[in-house]
Amino acid sequence: MNLDLLNSPAVLGVVTIVLGVSGCVGYFYFSNLILDKVIFPPRGRNAGRNINYANMVRPWLFLLPALLALGLYLAYPVFKTLHFSLTERVPGGGNVWVGAANYQQMLKEPKFWEAMRNNMLWLIVVPALATAFGLLVAQLTDRIRWGNIAKSLIFMPMAISFVGASVIWKLVYDTRPAEQDQIGMLNALYIFFGGSDPQTWLTIPFWNNFFLMAVLVWIQTGFAMVILSAALRGIPEETVEAAIVDGASPLTIFFKIKVPQIRATILVVWTTITITVLKVFDIVFAMTNGQWETQVLANYMYDKLFRANDWGVGSAAAMVIMLLVAPILVWNVRNARNEMR
């Protein structure tokens, strides 16, 4: 009984938190103590110089755990994935160098180009719709009394995992035989408005991608709304009041006064959602498993790595995803730094 209690997730979680916090506190305390008392003691003729040296080194003490974590969990996996993408596993164990052969094989596969095409379609549709809906909701909810309640309801999908949201929407698209009652909302509406037979929405090529995109738009609209609502509240009231005095219409004020002043925030929201889209996996995996021409790059990578056990091509697909994400991420960081300046 005691062993079961010690192995319970709750106890292990508490122990992990206590050890983690204690380790951080101990590290910072003893590292500063060694720095000030042993390495650069503030005494003697070089006391002032030692204090300056200690102050120069001290920030790196705080950065060192983060740098080690980034190196171990980010940099090392990237280089290891790159290595795997240039090698091929052999039955006896180990890897054989094949150079760009995995990339050449990947580029010849129709499934890869299907995934690339679908990813580009997601990139065009999802960030645009999620940002536009978020901006629209942010503007409209600021003009009504129960705006905070509406914002809470719209933001609620952000608290749901992608898999949970996929299960919900899979029920929305559910299809039953024509002689049975339709529990799927979309088919129920389709039959109610005169449709003959219920549709299997997720198996309709091309259009089924848009049904999957609706799930991510539903989730990300709340994120866009919160960020853009804060940006709209930061617009000086004087500019809006001056436009009203000049006789500007609400649409003119919105598009000519407000939107230009929050353009940088709109771009940040857009690019953040774009990065999420490039990594989308859960929704496609849970709803269609990449069937019926809905494959995306992350699912293609998963299939190669864990189903076909082809680590070379799977790692090559992972590198393609990283190369697509990296420029957007760099631009986002540079834009944020420019805004801070």
Protein backbone atom coordinates (compact mmCIF):
# COMPACT_ATOMS: atom_id res chain seq x y z
CA MET A 1 0.00 0.00 0.00
CA ASN A 2 2.81 2.38 0.90
CA LEU A 3 4.65 1.50 -2.32
CA ASP A 4 1.53 2.18 -4.36
CA LEU A 5 1.19 5.56 -2.65
CA LEU A 6 4.83 6.44 -3.37
CA ASN A 7 4.44 5.47 -7.03
CA SER A 8 1.26 7.47 -7.54
CA PRO A 9 1.45 10.30 -10.13
CA ALA A 10 0.42 12.92 -7.55
CA VAL A 11 3.25 12.03 -5.14
CA LEU A 12 5.79 11.80 -7.95
CA GLY A 13 4.63 15.19 -9.26
CA VAL A 14 5.03 16.84 -5.85
CA VAL A 15 8.48 15.26 -5.37
CA THR A 16 9.56 16.43 -8.83
CA ILE A 17 8.42 19.99 -8.13
CA VAL A 18 10.13 20.09 -4.72
CA LEU A 19 13.37 18.67 -6.07
CA GLY A 20 13.31 20.95 -9.11
CA VAL A 21 12.71 24.12 -7.11
CA SER A 22 15.23 23.11 -4.44
CA GLY A 23 17.82 22.30 -7.10
CA CYS A 24 17.37 25.70 -8.76
CA VAL A 25 17.61 27.57 -5.46
CA GLY A 26 20.66 25.56 -4.41
CA TYR A 27 22.37 26.07 -7.75
CA PHE A 28 21.93 29.84 -7.75
CA TYR A 29 22.89 30.19 -4.10
CA PHE A 30 26.07 28.10 -4.19
CA SER A 31 27.18 29.31 -7.64
CA ASN A 32 26.96 32.94 -6.47
CA LEU A 33 28.71 32.02 -3.23
CA ILE A 34 31.60 30.37 -5.09
CA LEU A 35 31.80 33.27 -7.55
CA ASP A 36 31.95 35.94 -4.83
CA LYS A 37 34.02 34.13 -2.21
CA VAL A 38 36.34 31.84 -4.17
CA ILE A 39 36.79 32.92 -7.79
CA PHE A 40 36.55 36.71 -7.45
CA PRO A 41 36.86 37.57 -3.74
CA PRO A 42 36.20 41.31 -3.17
CA ARG A 43 39.35 42.05 -1.19
CA GLY A 44 42.96 43.12 -1.69
CA ARG A 45 44.31 45.48 -4.31
CA ASN A 46 42.08 44.10 -7.06
CA ALA A 47 38.85 44.29 -5.07
CA GLY A 48 37.14 46.69 -7.45
CA ARG A 49 38.25 44.75 -10.52
CA ASN A 50 37.11 41.45 -8.97
CA ILE A 51 33.67 42.89 -8.28
CA ASN A 52 33.39 43.99 -11.92
CA TYR A 53 34.50 40.58 -13.16
CA ALA A 54 32.00 38.88 -10.85
CA ASN A 55 29.20 41.12 -12.13
CA MET A 56 30.16 40.28 -15.74
CA VAL A 57 30.10 36.55 -15.06
CA ARG A 58 26.97 36.52 -12.89
CA PRO A 59 24.39 36.81 -15.73
CA TRP A 60 25.94 33.74 -17.37
CA LEU A 61 25.35 31.76 -14.19
CA PHE A 62 21.64 32.42 -14.55
CA LEU A 63 21.70 31.66 -18.28
CA LEU A 64 23.75 28.46 -17.97
CA PRO A 65 20.86 26.09 -16.98
CA ALA A 66 18.69 27.45 -19.81
CA LEU A 67 21.57 27.16 -22.30
CA LEU A 68 22.23 23.57 -21.21
CA ALA A 69 18.53 22.71 -21.52
CA LEU A 70 18.34 24.32 -24.98
CA GLY A 71 21.46 22.51 -26.08
CA LEU A 72 20.25 19.15 -24.77
CA TYR A 73 16.59 19.35 -25.83
CA LEU A 74 16.76 21.59 -28.92
CA ALA A 75 20.19 21.89 -30.55
CA TYR A 76 21.26 18.26 -30.08
CA PRO A 77 17.99 16.78 -31.49
CA VAL A 78 18.23 19.10 -34.52
CA PHE A 79 21.76 17.97 -35.38
CA LYS A 80 20.87 14.34 -34.64
CA THR A 81 17.85 14.57 -36.94
CA LEU A 82 20.02 16.11 -39.65
CA HIS A 83 22.46 13.19 -39.22
CA PHE A 84 19.63 10.65 -39.48
CA SER A 85 18.33 12.35 -42.64
CA LEU A 86 21.70 11.79 -44.32
CA THR A 87 22.07 8.16 -43.25
CA GLU A 88 20.18 4.88 -43.50
CA ARG A 89 19.71 2.29 -40.78
CA VAL A 90 21.03 -1.17 -41.56
CA PRO A 91 19.53 -4.42 -40.20
CA GLY A 92 22.59 -5.31 -38.15
CA GLY A 93 22.52 -1.99 -36.31
CA GLY A 94 24.13 1.36 -36.95
CA ASN A 95 23.77 3.81 -39.81
CA VAL A 96 25.27 4.01 -43.27
CA TRP A 97 25.98 7.39 -44.91
CA VAL A 98 23.75 7.90 -47.97
CA GLY A 99 23.97 11.69 -48.40
CA ALA A 100 20.95 13.24 -50.09
CA ALA A 101 19.40 9.88 -51.08
CA ASN A 102 16.66 10.15 -48.44
CA TYR A 103 15.67 13.61 -49.69
CA GLN A 104 15.63 12.33 -53.28
CA GLN A 105 13.43 9.41 -52.30
CA MET A 106 11.10 11.73 -50.36
CA LEU A 107 10.74 14.10 -53.32
CA LYS A 108 9.72 11.20 -55.58
CA GLU A 109 6.83 10.11 -53.34
CA PRO A 110 3.31 11.38 -54.21
CA LYS A 111 2.36 11.33 -50.51
CA PHE A 112 5.03 13.92 -49.75
CA TRP A 113 3.70 16.30 -52.39
CA GLU A 114 0.16 15.68 -51.17
CA ALA A 115 1.31 16.64 -47.67
CA MET A 116 3.17 19.70 -48.97
CA ARG A 117 0.14 20.84 -50.98
CA ASN A 118 -2.19 20.43 -48.02
CA ASN A 119 0.21 22.26 -45.70
CA MET A 120 0.37 25.21 -48.11
CA LEU A 121 -3.44 25.22 -48.23
CA TRP A 122 -3.57 25.25 -44.42
CA LEU A 123 -1.05 28.11 -44.40
CA ILE A 124 -3.22 30.21 -46.68
CA VAL A 125 -6.56 29.58 -45.00
CA VAL A 126 -6.10 29.04 -41.24
CA PRO A 127 -3.94 32.07 -40.23
CA ALA A 128 -6.05 34.40 -42.39
CA LEU A 129 -9.41 33.22 -41.03
CA ALA A 130 -8.30 32.87 -37.39
CA THR A 131 -6.72 36.34 -37.38
CA ALA A 132 -9.67 37.93 -39.19
CA PHE A 133 -12.26 36.34 -36.90
CA GLY A 134 -10.18 37.20 -33.83
CA LEU A 135 -9.93 40.83 -34.91
CA LEU A 136 -13.64 41.00 -35.71
CA VAL A 137 -14.64 39.48 -32.37
CA ALA A 138 -12.20 41.72 -30.48
CA GLN A 139 -13.75 44.80 -32.07
CA LEU A 140 -17.38 43.74 -31.63
CA THR A 141 -17.11 42.46 -28.04
CA ASP A 142 -15.62 45.79 -26.93
CA ARG A 143 -18.88 47.48 -27.97
CA ILE A 144 -21.34 45.38 -25.95
CA ARG A 145 -22.03 45.07 -22.22
CA TRP A 146 -21.60 41.32 -22.04
CA GLY A 147 -18.41 41.44 -24.09
CA ASN A 148 -16.32 39.76 -21.38
CA ILE A 149 -18.72 36.80 -21.26
CA ALA A 150 -18.57 36.49 -25.04
CA LYS A 151 -14.75 36.62 -24.95
CA SER A 152 -14.67 33.88 -22.32
CA LEU A 153 -16.87 31.61 -24.44
CA ILE A 154 -14.84 32.24 -27.59
CA PHE A 155 -11.55 31.72 -25.74
CA MET A 156 -12.76 28.47 -24.15
CA PRO A 157 -11.62 26.20 -27.06
CA MET A 158 -8.03 27.26 -26.26
CA ALA A 159 -8.36 25.24 -23.04
CA ILE A 160 -9.15 22.07 -25.02
CA SER A 161 -6.41 19.88 -26.42
CA PHE A 162 -6.23 19.44 -30.19
CA VAL A 163 -7.26 15.79 -29.80
CA GLY A 164 -10.23 16.75 -27.61
CA ALA A 165 -11.32 19.38 -30.12
CA SER A 166 -10.96 16.80 -32.91
CA VAL A 167 -13.28 14.38 -31.09
CA ILE A 168 -15.87 17.14 -30.67
CA TRP A 169 -15.73 18.08 -34.35
CA LYS A 170 -15.73 14.47 -35.45
CA LEU A 171 -19.15 14.24 -33.80
CA VAL A 172 -20.20 17.41 -35.67
CA TYR A 173 -19.27 15.69 -38.96
CA ASP A 174 -20.68 12.29 -37.91
CA THR A 175 -22.60 10.34 -40.56
CA ARG A 176 -25.29 7.72 -39.91
CA PRO A 177 -27.26 5.62 -42.44
CA ALA A 178 -30.07 7.51 -44.16
CA GLU A 179 -32.78 5.59 -42.29
CA GLN A 180 -31.38 6.62 -38.90
CA ASP A 181 -31.49 9.96 -37.11
CA GLN A 182 -28.37 12.03 -37.71
CA ILE A 183 -26.47 12.92 -34.54
CA GLY A 184 -23.88 14.90 -36.51
CA MET A 185 -24.89 18.56 -36.50
CA LEU A 186 -23.77 19.19 -40.07
CA ASN A 187 -25.71 16.25 -41.52
CA ALA A 188 -28.74 17.08 -39.37
CA LEU A 189 -28.79 20.60 -40.85
CA TYR A 190 -28.15 19.22 -44.33
CA ILE A 191 -31.14 16.87 -44.11
CA PHE A 192 -33.32 19.53 -42.45
CA PHE A 193 -32.78 21.95 -45.35
CA GLY A 194 -33.70 19.41 -48.00
CA GLY A 195 -30.63 17.25 -48.51
CA SER A 196 -31.35 13.75 -49.76
CA ASP A 197 -28.63 11.54 -48.30
CA PRO A 198 -26.24 12.28 -45.42
CA GLN A 199 -22.72 13.11 -46.50
CA THR A 200 -19.49 11.58 -45.26
CA TRP A 201 -17.85 14.99 -45.00
CA LEU A 202 -14.36 13.85 -44.04
CA THR A 203 -14.02 11.58 -47.08
CA ILE A 204 -14.74 14.24 -49.73
CA PRO A 205 -11.34 14.92 -51.39
CA PHE A 206 -10.03 18.49 -51.24
CA TRP A 207 -13.04 19.85 -49.33
CA ASN A 208 -12.36 17.59 -46.34
CA ASN A 209 -9.19 19.63 -45.73
CA PHE A 210 -11.36 22.67 -45.06
CA PHE A 211 -13.48 20.69 -42.59
CA LEU A 212 -10.26 19.85 -40.72
CA MET A 213 -9.09 23.46 -40.89
CA ALA A 214 -12.30 24.59 -39.21
CA VAL A 215 -11.15 22.86 -36.02
CA LEU A 216 -7.89 24.83 -35.83
CA VAL A 217 -9.62 28.10 -36.77
CA TRP A 218 -12.14 27.46 -33.96
CA ILE A 219 -9.29 26.98 -31.48
CA GLN A 220 -6.98 29.79 -32.62
CA THR A 221 -9.68 32.47 -32.95
CA GLY A 222 -9.72 32.82 -29.16
CA PHE A 223 -5.95 33.31 -29.06
CA ALA A 224 -6.09 35.98 -31.79
CA MET A 225 -9.03 37.69 -30.08
CA VAL A 226 -7.22 38.06 -26.72
CA ILE A 227 -4.03 39.51 -28.24
CA LEU A 228 -5.81 41.83 -30.66
CA SER A 229 -8.31 42.97 -28.04
CA ALA A 230 -5.42 44.14 -25.86
CA ALA A 231 -3.89 45.92 -28.86
CA LEU A 232 -7.18 47.68 -29.66
CA ARG A 233 -7.48 48.88 -26.07
CA GLY A 234 -4.01 50.39 -26.39
CA ILE A 235 -5.03 52.73 -29.21
CA PRO A 236 -5.16 56.36 -27.95
CA GLU A 237 -8.75 57.52 -27.53
CA GLU A 238 -7.81 60.95 -28.93
CA THR A 239 -7.28 59.60 -32.43
CA VAL A 240 -10.65 57.84 -32.45
CA GLU A 241 -12.45 60.87 -31.02
CA ALA A 242 -10.83 63.15 -33.61
CA ALA A 243 -12.01 60.84 -36.40
CA ILE A 244 -15.57 60.87 -34.98
CA VAL A 245 -15.53 64.68 -34.85
CA ASP A 246 -14.41 64.73 -38.50
CA GLY A 247 -17.45 62.62 -39.40
CA ALA A 248 -15.70 59.31 -40.09
CA SER A 249 -17.94 56.26 -40.20
CA PRO A 250 -17.35 53.25 -37.89
CA LEU A 251 -15.93 51.23 -40.81
CA THR A 252 -13.56 54.06 -41.73
CA ILE A 253 -12.41 54.39 -38.12
CA PHE A 254 -11.80 50.64 -37.94
CA PHE A 255 -9.92 50.20 -41.21
CA LYS A 256 -8.21 53.59 -41.47
CA ILE A 257 -7.48 54.43 -37.82
CA LYS A 258 -7.40 51.27 -35.71
CA VAL A 259 -6.03 48.58 -38.03
CA PRO A 260 -2.96 50.59 -39.14
CA GLN A 261 -2.02 51.24 -35.50
CA ILE A 262 -2.12 47.56 -34.56
CA ARG A 263 -0.60 46.23 -37.81
CA ALA A 264 2.50 44.95 -35.98
CA THR A 265 0.36 42.98 -33.51
CA ILE A 266 -1.72 41.53 -36.34
CA LEU A 267 1.47 40.30 -38.04
CA VAL A 268 2.72 38.72 -34.80
CA VAL A 269 -0.60 36.89 -34.33
CA TRP A 270 -0.58 35.84 -37.99
CA THR A 271 2.96 34.44 -37.86
CA THR A 272 2.37 32.69 -34.52
CA ILE A 273 -0.66 30.88 -35.92
CA THR A 274 1.35 30.11 -39.08
CA ILE A 275 3.99 28.30 -37.00
CA THR A 276 1.22 26.30 -35.29
CA VAL A 277 -0.21 25.37 -38.70
CA LEU A 278 3.14 24.12 -39.98
CA LYS A 279 3.34 21.75 -37.01
CA VAL A 280 -0.28 20.58 -37.14
CA PHE A 281 -0.53 16.85 -36.46
CA ASP A 282 -3.11 15.97 -33.80
CA ILE A 283 -6.19 17.14 -35.72
CA VAL A 284 -5.41 15.23 -38.90
CA PHE A 285 -4.25 12.14 -36.99
CA ALA A 286 -7.38 12.00 -34.81
CA MET A 287 -9.94 12.76 -37.52
CA THR A 288 -8.73 11.15 -40.75
CA ASN A 289 -5.31 9.63 -39.99
CA GLY A 290 -4.11 11.22 -43.23
CA GLN A 291 -6.59 9.28 -45.39
CA TRP A 292 -8.69 10.66 -48.23
CA GLU A 293 -5.95 13.07 -49.37
CA THR A 294 -5.67 14.91 -46.03
CA GLN A 295 -2.02 14.07 -45.32
CA VAL A 296 0.14 16.90 -43.93
CA LEU A 297 3.90 17.03 -43.36
CA ALA A 298 3.85 16.14 -39.67
CA ASN A 299 1.67 13.08 -40.33
CA TYR A 300 3.86 12.09 -43.26
CA MET A 301 6.89 12.29 -40.96
CA TYR A 302 5.11 10.20 -38.29
CA ASP A 303 4.14 7.53 -40.82
CA LYS A 304 7.70 7.22 -42.07
CA LEU A 305 9.30 7.17 -38.62
CA PHE A 306 6.95 4.93 -36.65
CA ARG A 307 4.97 2.94 -39.18
CA ALA A 308 7.37 2.36 -42.05
CA ASN A 309 10.38 2.48 -39.66
CA ASP A 310 12.16 4.58 -42.29
CA TRP A 311 14.17 6.92 -40.08
CA GLY A 312 16.06 8.45 -42.99
CA VAL A 313 13.07 9.75 -44.95
CA GLY A 314 11.19 10.55 -41.73
CA SER A 315 14.09 12.68 -40.50
CA ALA A 316 14.29 14.36 -43.90
CA ALA A 317 10.61 15.30 -43.57
CA ALA A 318 11.32 16.69 -40.09
CA MET A 319 14.10 18.86 -41.53
CA VAL A 320 11.72 20.19 -44.19
CA ILE A 321 9.25 21.20 -41.46
CA MET A 322 12.04 22.91 -39.51
CA LEU A 323 13.23 24.79 -42.62
CA LEU A 324 9.69 26.04 -43.22
CA VAL A 325 9.23 27.14 -39.60
CA ALA A 326 12.67 28.72 -39.03
CA PRO A 327 12.34 31.83 -41.30
CA ILE A 328 8.95 32.71 -39.82
CA LEU A 329 10.27 32.25 -36.29
CA VAL A 330 13.35 34.41 -36.99
CA TRP A 331 11.19 37.13 -38.54
CA ASN A 332 8.84 37.04 -35.55
CA VAL A 333 11.72 37.43 -33.07
CA ARG A 334 13.29 40.28 -35.04
CA ASN A 335 9.98 42.04 -35.33
CA ALA A 336 9.41 41.72 -31.56
CA ARG A 337 12.86 43.18 -30.88
CA ASN A 338 12.20 46.11 -33.20
CA GLU A 339 8.92 46.77 -31.41
CA MET A 340 10.70 46.78 -28.05
CA ARG A 341 13.24 49.31 -29.34
